[in-house]
Amino acid sequence: MTDNTKQTGLDRKLISLKEDYEVRDWTKSLNCTEEELRAAVKAVGNSAEKVREYLAKK
């Protein structure tokens, strides 16, 4: 995911697990643990929408 502040649209649609601050922000936003987030991304990919759906079913 880009750190370019002018391209924030993708930051809200795609989950990156490469940066600690992004993992922290996504876990807070999705109200899940880091382990749950990593498992969800592994299961359905890095689409924020798909990860939300996956976590909602659990």
Protein backbone atom coordinates (compact mmCIF):
# COMPACT_ATOMS: atom_id res chain seq x y z
CA MET A 1 0.00 0.00 0.00
CA THR A 2 1.27 3.42 -0.79
CA ASP A 3 2.31 5.94 1.81
CA ASN A 4 1.60 8.73 -0.66
CA THR A 5 -0.81 11.04 1.17
CA LYS A 6 -2.35 12.14 -2.13
CA GLN A 7 -3.51 8.58 -2.88
CA THR A 8 -5.55 7.73 0.21
CA GLY A 9 -8.47 6.12 -1.62
CA LEU A 10 -6.78 2.74 -1.82
CA ASP A 11 -5.73 2.97 1.83
CA ARG A 12 -9.37 2.63 2.82
CA LYS A 13 -10.12 -0.20 0.40
CA LEU A 14 -7.05 -2.41 0.80
CA ILE A 15 -5.48 -3.76 3.97
CA SER A 16 -1.71 -3.85 4.20
CA LEU A 17 -0.02 -5.93 6.86
CA LYS A 18 3.47 -4.62 6.08
CA GLU A 19 3.46 -1.57 8.34
CA ASP A 20 2.90 -1.79 12.09
CA TYR A 21 0.86 1.41 12.16
CA GLU A 22 -1.47 0.10 9.45
CA VAL A 23 -2.04 -3.17 11.31
CA ARG A 24 -2.74 -1.16 14.46
CA ASP A 25 -5.18 1.15 12.66
CA TRP A 26 -7.02 -1.70 10.92
CA THR A 27 -7.37 -3.74 14.12
CA LYS A 28 -8.80 -0.70 15.85
CA SER A 29 -11.11 0.10 12.94
CA LEU A 30 -12.34 -3.48 12.60
CA ASN A 31 -12.40 -4.17 16.35
CA CYS A 32 -10.32 -7.33 16.07
CA THR A 33 -6.96 -8.66 17.15
CA GLU A 34 -3.89 -8.71 14.94
CA GLU A 35 -4.17 -12.48 14.69
CA GLU A 36 -7.81 -12.24 13.58
CA LEU A 37 -6.89 -9.59 11.01
CA ARG A 38 -4.03 -11.65 9.59
CA ALA A 39 -6.23 -14.76 9.41
CA ALA A 40 -8.99 -12.83 7.64
CA VAL A 41 -6.58 -11.36 5.08
CA LYS A 42 -5.13 -14.81 4.50
CA ALA A 43 -8.62 -16.27 4.03
CA VAL A 44 -10.22 -13.63 1.77
CA GLY A 45 -7.43 -11.33 0.56
CA ASN A 46 -6.66 -7.71 1.37
CA SER A 47 -9.97 -6.13 0.36
CA ALA A 48 -11.26 -4.21 3.39
CA GLU A 49 -14.85 -4.99 2.39
CA LYS A 50 -14.20 -8.74 2.18
CA VAL A 51 -12.31 -8.73 5.48
CA ARG A 52 -15.20 -6.88 7.18
CA GLU A 53 -17.64 -9.48 5.85
CA TYR A 54 -15.39 -12.33 6.98
CA LEU A 55 -14.99 -10.93 10.48
CA ALA A 56 -18.73 -10.23 10.78
CA LYS A 57 -19.47 -13.91 10.19
CA LYS A 58 -17.18 -15.02 13.02
